[in-house]
C-alpha cells in the first residue's frame, strides 16, 4: 500500500509545461497527478495534443479562453473562476489569459504525466504569446491521431 502524502503549493514553478505555462507539481497517485498551472497576463500558450493522458482543469483565478478540437468538433470556451473543463486523450488544445491578470488552474492528469514527449505540437487558433520563441518541434507537421 502506498503511504498518504501532504504538500503545499510550491512558491516557484517546478517546471515549464510544453505549452509554455508555469507548473507547480503537487501530488500524485498511481491513477493520476495534480498540478497548479499559471499563464501570465496576456500570454497565449502553445497549442498541443497529448499522446496518452487526459486532464481535468478547474479555474482558480483569472480569465481567458480555451480552444479544444476533437476531429471535426471544435469550440472556444471562456475560462473564469469556477469553470471546469476536460481534455480527453487526443484533443488538441490551446489557452490564453486576459491582459488584466494571470490565469491559474488546478489540473488532474490521468494517468500521471509520463514525461516531456507526452505533449506534441498542434495547430491552434492563436499564435503563441509574443516573445515566446517557437520550439523546433512546432515547425514539424501536426501528428495524425485519427
N, C-alpha and C. Protein backbone atom coordinates (compact mmCIF):
# COMPACT_ATOMS: atom_id res chain seq x y z
N UNK A 1 0.84 -1.17 0.00
CA UNK A 1 0.00 0.00 0.00
C UNK A 1 0.89 1.24 0.00
N UNK A 2 0.52 2.22 -0.81
CA UNK A 2 1.25 3.47 -0.86
C UNK A 2 0.88 4.32 0.35
N UNK A 3 1.86 5.01 0.93
CA UNK A 3 1.59 5.89 2.06
C UNK A 3 0.93 7.18 1.60
N UNK A 4 0.05 7.74 2.45
CA UNK A 4 -0.56 9.01 2.09
C UNK A 4 0.47 10.12 2.19
N UNK A 5 0.17 11.25 1.55
CA UNK A 5 1.14 12.33 1.47
C UNK A 5 0.42 13.67 1.62
N UNK A 6 1.16 14.69 1.94
CA UNK A 6 0.66 16.05 2.09
C UNK A 6 1.71 16.99 1.53
N UNK A 7 1.28 18.07 0.88
CA UNK A 7 2.23 19.06 0.37
C UNK A 7 1.58 20.43 0.38
N UNK A 8 2.38 21.44 0.10
CA UNK A 8 1.90 22.81 -0.07
C UNK A 8 2.23 23.23 -1.50
N UNK A 9 1.51 24.22 -1.97
CA UNK A 9 1.80 24.78 -3.28
C UNK A 9 3.21 25.37 -3.27
N UNK A 10 4.10 24.90 -4.16
CA UNK A 10 5.45 25.47 -4.20
C UNK A 10 5.41 26.97 -4.53
N UNK A 11 6.31 27.73 -3.92
CA UNK A 11 6.38 29.17 -4.14
C UNK A 11 6.79 29.50 -5.57
N UNK A 12 7.62 28.67 -6.15
CA UNK A 12 8.12 28.89 -7.51
C UNK A 12 7.70 27.74 -8.41
N UNK A 13 7.58 27.99 -9.72
CA UNK A 13 7.25 26.89 -10.64
C UNK A 13 8.26 25.76 -10.55
N UNK A 14 7.75 24.54 -10.65
CA UNK A 14 8.58 23.34 -10.64
C UNK A 14 9.18 23.11 -12.02
N UNK A 15 8.40 23.42 -13.06
CA UNK A 15 8.79 23.18 -14.45
C UNK A 15 7.93 24.06 -15.35
N UNK A 16 8.38 24.25 -16.58
CA UNK A 16 7.56 24.91 -17.59
C UNK A 16 6.97 23.82 -18.47
N UNK A 17 5.66 23.85 -18.64
CA UNK A 17 4.97 22.84 -19.45
C UNK A 17 5.31 23.01 -20.93
N UNK A 18 5.14 21.95 -21.72
CA UNK A 18 5.37 22.06 -23.17
C UNK A 18 4.53 23.16 -23.83
N UNK A 19 3.39 23.50 -23.22
CA UNK A 19 2.55 24.57 -23.79
C UNK A 19 3.04 25.95 -23.39
N UNK A 20 4.03 26.04 -22.48
CA UNK A 20 4.59 27.31 -22.06
C UNK A 20 4.10 27.83 -20.73
N UNK A 21 3.14 27.16 -20.11
CA UNK A 21 2.64 27.61 -18.81
C UNK A 21 3.59 27.17 -17.69
N UNK A 22 3.55 27.91 -16.58
CA UNK A 22 4.34 27.56 -15.40
C UNK A 22 3.59 26.50 -14.60
N UNK A 23 4.28 25.45 -14.19
CA UNK A 23 3.66 24.34 -13.47
C UNK A 23 4.28 24.22 -12.09
N UNK A 24 3.41 24.07 -11.11
CA UNK A 24 3.83 23.75 -9.75
C UNK A 24 3.26 22.36 -9.45
N UNK A 25 4.10 21.37 -9.49
CA UNK A 25 3.66 19.99 -9.28
C UNK A 25 3.21 19.82 -7.84
N UNK A 26 2.07 19.20 -7.66
CA UNK A 26 1.53 18.95 -6.33
C UNK A 26 1.75 17.49 -5.96
N UNK A 27 0.72 16.68 -5.95
CA UNK A 27 0.86 15.28 -5.56
C UNK A 27 0.31 14.35 -6.63
N UNK A 28 0.65 13.07 -6.50
CA UNK A 28 0.14 12.08 -7.43
C UNK A 28 -0.02 10.73 -6.76
N UNK A 29 -0.82 9.92 -7.40
CA UNK A 29 -1.02 8.52 -7.02
C UNK A 29 -0.89 7.68 -8.29
N UNK A 30 -1.09 6.40 -8.17
CA UNK A 30 -0.93 5.51 -9.33
C UNK A 30 -1.84 5.90 -10.48
N UNK A 31 -3.05 6.39 -10.18
CA UNK A 31 -4.02 6.71 -11.23
C UNK A 31 -3.93 8.09 -11.83
N UNK A 32 -3.18 9.01 -11.19
CA UNK A 32 -3.12 10.36 -11.73
C UNK A 32 -2.30 11.28 -10.87
N UNK A 33 -2.11 12.50 -11.37
CA UNK A 33 -1.34 13.50 -10.66
C UNK A 33 -2.05 14.84 -10.71
N UNK A 34 -1.69 15.72 -9.77
CA UNK A 34 -2.30 17.04 -9.68
C UNK A 34 -1.22 18.10 -9.75
N UNK A 35 -1.53 19.19 -10.46
CA UNK A 35 -0.59 20.30 -10.57
C UNK A 35 -1.36 21.61 -10.65
N UNK A 36 -0.65 22.67 -10.34
CA UNK A 36 -1.18 24.04 -10.43
C UNK A 36 -0.49 24.68 -11.64
N UNK A 37 -1.28 25.22 -12.57
CA UNK A 37 -0.75 25.84 -13.78
C UNK A 37 -1.04 27.33 -13.75
N UNK A 38 -0.07 28.13 -14.19
CA UNK A 38 -0.27 29.58 -14.30
C UNK A 38 0.19 30.04 -15.68
N UNK A 39 -0.65 30.87 -16.31
CA UNK A 39 -0.29 31.50 -17.57
C UNK A 39 -0.34 33.00 -17.32
N UNK A 40 0.75 33.69 -17.61
CA UNK A 40 0.87 35.12 -17.32
C UNK A 40 -0.20 35.94 -18.02
N UNK A 41 -0.50 37.10 -17.46
CA UNK A 41 -1.47 38.02 -18.05
C UNK A 41 -1.11 38.31 -19.50
N UNK A 42 -2.08 38.20 -20.38
CA UNK A 42 -1.87 38.48 -21.80
C UNK A 42 -1.15 37.41 -22.57
N UNK A 43 -0.74 36.33 -21.93
CA UNK A 43 0.02 35.27 -22.59
C UNK A 43 -0.90 34.31 -23.33
N UNK A 44 -0.34 33.67 -24.35
CA UNK A 44 -1.03 32.65 -25.13
C UNK A 44 -0.16 31.41 -25.13
N UNK A 45 -0.73 30.27 -24.75
CA UNK A 45 0.04 29.02 -24.72
C UNK A 45 0.34 28.54 -26.14
N UNK A 46 1.22 27.57 -26.22
CA UNK A 46 1.41 26.84 -27.47
C UNK A 46 0.28 25.82 -27.58
N UNK A 47 -0.20 25.58 -28.76
CA UNK A 47 -1.22 24.55 -28.97
C UNK A 47 -0.53 23.18 -28.93
N UNK A 48 -1.14 22.24 -28.20
CA UNK A 48 -0.58 20.90 -28.07
C UNK A 48 -1.69 19.86 -28.12
N UNK A 49 -1.27 18.61 -28.22
CA UNK A 49 -2.16 17.45 -28.12
C UNK A 49 -1.40 16.39 -27.32
N UNK A 50 -2.09 15.73 -26.40
CA UNK A 50 -1.45 14.70 -25.57
C UNK A 50 -1.54 13.33 -26.23
N UNK A 51 -0.48 12.56 -26.11
CA UNK A 51 -0.42 11.21 -26.67
C UNK A 51 -1.25 10.20 -25.88
N UNK A 52 -1.16 10.26 -24.53
CA UNK A 52 -1.75 9.17 -23.74
C UNK A 52 -2.47 9.61 -22.48
N UNK A 53 -2.40 10.88 -22.10
CA UNK A 53 -3.06 11.32 -20.87
C UNK A 53 -4.28 12.17 -21.19
N UNK A 54 -5.19 12.20 -20.22
CA UNK A 54 -6.30 13.13 -20.30
C UNK A 54 -6.29 13.97 -19.03
N UNK A 55 -6.92 15.14 -19.11
CA UNK A 55 -6.84 16.06 -17.98
C UNK A 55 -8.21 16.65 -17.67
N UNK A 56 -8.36 17.05 -16.41
CA UNK A 56 -9.50 17.85 -15.95
C UNK A 56 -8.90 19.09 -15.32
N UNK A 57 -9.36 20.25 -15.76
CA UNK A 57 -8.87 21.53 -15.24
C UNK A 57 -9.99 22.25 -14.50
N UNK A 58 -9.62 22.91 -13.40
CA UNK A 58 -10.54 23.75 -12.64
C UNK A 58 -9.89 25.12 -12.49
N UNK A 59 -10.56 26.16 -12.98
CA UNK A 59 -10.00 27.51 -12.94
C UNK A 59 -10.15 28.10 -11.54
N UNK A 60 -9.02 28.53 -10.97
CA UNK A 60 -9.00 29.15 -9.65
C UNK A 60 -9.13 30.66 -9.71
N UNK A 61 -8.40 31.28 -10.64
CA UNK A 61 -8.41 32.74 -10.74
C UNK A 61 -8.02 33.17 -12.15
N UNK A 62 -8.37 34.41 -12.46
CA UNK A 62 -8.08 34.97 -13.76
C UNK A 62 -9.17 34.64 -14.77
N UNK A 63 -9.00 35.20 -15.95
CA UNK A 63 -9.95 34.99 -17.04
C UNK A 63 -9.18 34.75 -18.32
N UNK A 64 -9.79 34.03 -19.23
CA UNK A 64 -9.17 33.75 -20.51
C UNK A 64 -10.08 32.90 -21.36
N UNK A 65 -9.47 32.17 -22.28
CA UNK A 65 -10.21 31.30 -23.18
C UNK A 65 -9.42 30.02 -23.41
N UNK A 66 -10.15 28.93 -23.69
CA UNK A 66 -9.53 27.68 -24.09
C UNK A 66 -10.19 27.21 -25.38
N UNK A 67 -9.35 26.84 -26.34
CA UNK A 67 -9.78 26.24 -27.59
C UNK A 67 -9.51 24.75 -27.51
N UNK A 68 -10.48 23.93 -27.93
CA UNK A 68 -10.30 22.48 -28.00
C UNK A 68 -10.86 21.98 -29.33
N UNK A 69 -10.19 20.95 -29.87
CA UNK A 69 -10.66 20.32 -31.11
C UNK A 69 -10.46 18.82 -31.03
N UNK A 70 -11.54 18.10 -31.35
CA UNK A 70 -11.53 16.63 -31.49
C UNK A 70 -12.12 16.34 -32.86
N UNK A 71 -11.29 15.90 -33.79
CA UNK A 71 -11.79 15.63 -35.13
C UNK A 71 -12.43 16.88 -35.71
N UNK A 72 -13.71 16.80 -36.06
CA UNK A 72 -14.44 17.94 -36.62
C UNK A 72 -15.07 18.82 -35.55
N UNK A 73 -15.14 18.35 -34.31
CA UNK A 73 -15.74 19.13 -33.22
C UNK A 73 -14.73 20.12 -32.68
N UNK A 74 -15.12 21.39 -32.61
CA UNK A 74 -14.21 22.44 -32.18
C UNK A 74 -14.99 23.48 -31.39
N UNK A 75 -14.39 24.00 -30.31
CA UNK A 75 -15.06 25.01 -29.51
C UNK A 75 -14.04 25.86 -28.76
N UNK A 76 -14.44 27.10 -28.51
CA UNK A 76 -13.69 28.00 -27.63
C UNK A 76 -14.60 28.30 -26.46
N UNK A 77 -14.09 28.10 -25.25
CA UNK A 77 -14.87 28.32 -24.03
C UNK A 77 -14.19 29.40 -23.19
N UNK A 78 -15.01 30.23 -22.55
CA UNK A 78 -14.49 31.25 -21.64
C UNK A 78 -13.99 30.57 -20.36
N UNK A 79 -12.82 30.98 -19.90
CA UNK A 79 -12.27 30.48 -18.64
C UNK A 79 -12.41 31.57 -17.58
N UNK A 80 -12.96 31.20 -16.44
CA UNK A 80 -13.17 32.12 -15.33
C UNK A 80 -13.21 31.28 -14.05
N UNK A 81 -13.01 31.89 -12.90
CA UNK A 81 -13.06 31.12 -11.65
C UNK A 81 -14.33 30.28 -11.55
N UNK A 82 -14.14 29.01 -11.20
CA UNK A 82 -15.26 28.08 -11.06
C UNK A 82 -15.54 27.24 -12.29
N UNK A 83 -14.93 27.56 -13.43
CA UNK A 83 -15.14 26.78 -14.66
C UNK A 83 -14.26 25.54 -14.62
N UNK A 84 -14.84 24.41 -15.02
CA UNK A 84 -14.13 23.13 -15.08
C UNK A 84 -14.22 22.59 -16.51
N UNK A 85 -13.10 22.15 -17.08
CA UNK A 85 -13.08 21.64 -18.46
C UNK A 85 -12.33 20.31 -18.50
N UNK A 86 -12.68 19.50 -19.49
CA UNK A 86 -11.95 18.24 -19.71
C UNK A 86 -11.15 18.34 -21.00
N UNK A 87 -10.04 17.61 -21.00
CA UNK A 87 -9.18 17.50 -22.18
C UNK A 87 -8.92 16.00 -22.39
N UNK A 88 -9.82 15.32 -23.13
CA UNK A 88 -9.62 13.89 -23.37
C UNK A 88 -8.37 13.62 -24.22
N UNK A 89 -7.87 12.40 -24.16
CA UNK A 89 -6.72 11.99 -24.96
C UNK A 89 -6.97 12.34 -26.43
N UNK A 90 -5.95 12.90 -27.07
CA UNK A 90 -6.05 13.22 -28.49
C UNK A 90 -6.74 14.52 -28.82
N UNK A 91 -7.15 15.28 -27.81
CA UNK A 91 -7.79 16.58 -28.04
C UNK A 91 -6.71 17.65 -28.20
N UNK A 92 -6.78 18.37 -29.31
CA UNK A 92 -5.88 19.50 -29.50
C UNK A 92 -6.42 20.65 -28.65
N UNK A 93 -5.51 21.39 -27.98
CA UNK A 93 -5.99 22.49 -27.16
C UNK A 93 -4.95 23.60 -27.05
N UNK A 94 -5.47 24.78 -26.76
CA UNK A 94 -4.64 25.96 -26.56
C UNK A 94 -5.44 26.89 -25.65
N UNK A 95 -4.74 27.68 -24.85
CA UNK A 95 -5.45 28.60 -23.95
C UNK A 95 -4.69 29.91 -23.86
N UNK A 96 -5.43 30.92 -23.43
CA UNK A 96 -4.82 32.25 -23.28
C UNK A 96 -5.43 32.97 -22.09
N UNK A 97 -4.63 33.86 -21.52
CA UNK A 97 -5.05 34.65 -20.36
C UNK A 97 -5.37 36.06 -20.80
N UNK A 98 -6.40 36.65 -20.22
CA UNK A 98 -6.72 38.05 -20.49
C UNK A 98 -5.57 38.93 -20.01
N UNK A 99 -5.49 40.12 -20.59
CA UNK A 99 -4.43 41.06 -20.23
C UNK A 99 -4.55 41.57 -18.79
N UNK A 100 -5.74 41.46 -18.20
CA UNK A 100 -5.96 42.01 -16.86
C UNK A 100 -5.28 41.22 -15.74
N UNK A 101 -4.92 39.97 -15.98
CA UNK A 101 -4.30 39.18 -14.91
C UNK A 101 -3.98 37.78 -15.33
N UNK A 102 -3.13 37.14 -14.55
CA UNK A 102 -2.71 35.76 -14.83
C UNK A 102 -3.90 34.80 -14.67
N UNK A 103 -3.83 33.71 -15.39
CA UNK A 103 -4.81 32.64 -15.31
C UNK A 103 -4.20 31.52 -14.47
N UNK A 104 -4.91 31.06 -13.44
CA UNK A 104 -4.42 29.99 -12.58
C UNK A 104 -5.44 28.86 -12.53
N UNK A 105 -4.97 27.64 -12.77
CA UNK A 105 -5.85 26.47 -12.75
C UNK A 105 -5.19 25.34 -11.98
N UNK A 106 -6.01 24.44 -11.46
CA UNK A 106 -5.53 23.18 -10.92
C UNK A 106 -5.94 22.11 -11.92
N UNK A 107 -5.01 21.25 -12.26
CA UNK A 107 -5.28 20.21 -13.22
C UNK A 107 -4.96 18.83 -12.68
N UNK A 108 -5.81 17.88 -13.06
CA UNK A 108 -5.58 16.47 -12.74
C UNK A 108 -5.21 15.77 -14.04
N UNK A 109 -4.11 15.06 -14.05
CA UNK A 109 -3.65 14.33 -15.22
C UNK A 109 -3.77 12.84 -14.95
N UNK A 110 -4.44 12.12 -15.89
CA UNK A 110 -4.67 10.69 -15.72
C UNK A 110 -4.27 9.94 -16.99
N UNK A 111 -3.42 8.96 -16.91
CA UNK A 111 -2.57 8.58 -15.77
C UNK A 111 -1.57 9.70 -15.48
N UNK A 112 -0.68 9.50 -14.51
CA UNK A 112 0.29 10.55 -14.20
C UNK A 112 1.11 10.94 -15.43
N UNK A 113 1.55 12.18 -15.47
CA UNK A 113 2.34 12.73 -16.58
C UNK A 113 3.57 11.85 -16.83
N UNK A 114 3.71 11.29 -18.06
CA UNK A 114 4.82 10.36 -18.33
C UNK A 114 6.15 11.01 -18.69
N UNK A 115 6.15 12.28 -19.10
CA UNK A 115 7.41 12.92 -19.46
C UNK A 115 7.25 13.91 -20.59
N UNK A 116 8.36 14.54 -20.96
CA UNK A 116 8.36 15.65 -21.91
C UNK A 116 7.80 15.29 -23.29
N UNK A 117 7.91 14.04 -23.70
CA UNK A 117 7.43 13.65 -25.04
C UNK A 117 5.93 13.44 -25.11
N UNK A 118 5.24 13.61 -23.99
CA UNK A 118 3.78 13.39 -23.96
C UNK A 118 3.03 14.40 -24.82
N UNK A 119 3.41 15.66 -24.75
CA UNK A 119 2.71 16.72 -25.49
C UNK A 119 3.36 16.92 -26.85
N UNK A 120 2.53 16.84 -27.89
CA UNK A 120 3.01 17.05 -29.25
C UNK A 120 2.47 18.39 -29.76
N UNK A 121 3.23 19.09 -30.60
CA UNK A 121 2.76 20.36 -31.14
C UNK A 121 1.50 20.17 -31.98
N UNK A 122 0.63 21.15 -31.93
CA UNK A 122 -0.59 21.15 -32.73
C UNK A 122 -0.76 22.55 -33.31
N UNK A 123 -1.69 22.69 -34.21
CA UNK A 123 -2.01 23.99 -34.78
C UNK A 123 -3.25 24.52 -34.09
N UNK A 124 -3.12 25.68 -33.45
CA UNK A 124 -4.24 26.29 -32.73
C UNK A 124 -4.71 27.56 -33.41
N UNK A 125 -5.70 28.20 -32.84
CA UNK A 125 -6.26 29.40 -33.46
C UNK A 125 -5.46 30.68 -33.24
N UNK A 126 -4.56 30.67 -32.24
CA UNK A 126 -3.83 31.90 -31.90
C UNK A 126 -2.33 31.64 -31.96
N UNK A 127 -1.57 32.65 -32.39
CA UNK A 127 -0.10 32.49 -32.31
C UNK A 127 0.33 32.52 -30.84
N UNK A 128 1.36 31.76 -30.48
CA UNK A 128 1.85 31.80 -29.09
C UNK A 128 2.21 33.24 -28.72
N UNK A 129 2.22 33.53 -27.41
CA UNK A 129 2.43 34.91 -26.95
C UNK A 129 3.71 35.51 -27.51
N UNK A 130 3.70 36.81 -27.77
CA UNK A 130 4.92 37.47 -28.27
C UNK A 130 6.09 37.25 -27.32
N UNK A 131 7.26 37.06 -27.89
CA UNK A 131 8.45 36.86 -27.08
C UNK A 131 8.67 35.42 -26.65
N UNK A 132 7.75 34.53 -27.02
CA UNK A 132 7.89 33.12 -26.69
C UNK A 132 8.31 32.40 -27.97
N UNK A 133 9.61 32.13 -28.14
CA UNK A 133 10.07 31.55 -29.40
C UNK A 133 9.48 30.16 -29.61
N UNK A 134 9.10 29.86 -30.85
CA UNK A 134 8.59 28.52 -31.12
C UNK A 134 9.68 27.47 -30.97
N UNK A 135 9.30 26.30 -30.51
CA UNK A 135 10.25 25.20 -30.41
C UNK A 135 10.46 24.64 -31.81
N UNK A 136 11.59 23.98 -32.02
CA UNK A 136 11.86 23.38 -33.32
C UNK A 136 10.75 22.38 -33.69
N UNK A 137 10.24 21.68 -32.69
CA UNK A 137 9.19 20.70 -32.95
C UNK A 137 7.90 21.35 -33.43
N UNK A 138 7.68 22.66 -33.10
CA UNK A 138 6.47 23.35 -33.54
C UNK A 138 6.41 23.48 -35.05
N UNK A 139 7.56 23.44 -35.71
CA UNK A 139 7.58 23.56 -37.15
C UNK A 139 7.25 22.24 -37.85
N UNK A 140 7.28 21.14 -37.10
CA UNK A 140 7.00 19.83 -37.67
C UNK A 140 5.52 19.70 -37.99
N UNK A 141 5.20 18.77 -38.84
CA UNK A 141 3.80 18.53 -39.20
C UNK A 141 3.01 18.08 -37.97
N UNK A 142 1.76 18.49 -37.93
CA UNK A 142 0.89 18.10 -36.82
C UNK A 142 0.66 16.60 -36.89
N UNK A 143 0.67 15.91 -35.74
CA UNK A 143 0.51 14.46 -35.73
C UNK A 143 -0.89 14.04 -36.17
N UNK A 144 -0.97 12.87 -36.79
CA UNK A 144 -2.26 12.29 -37.18
C UNK A 144 -2.68 11.34 -36.08
N UNK A 145 -3.72 11.69 -35.34
CA UNK A 145 -4.19 10.87 -34.23
C UNK A 145 -5.49 10.16 -34.56
N UNK A 146 -5.86 10.13 -35.82
CA UNK A 146 -7.14 9.51 -36.16
C UNK A 146 -7.05 8.00 -36.18
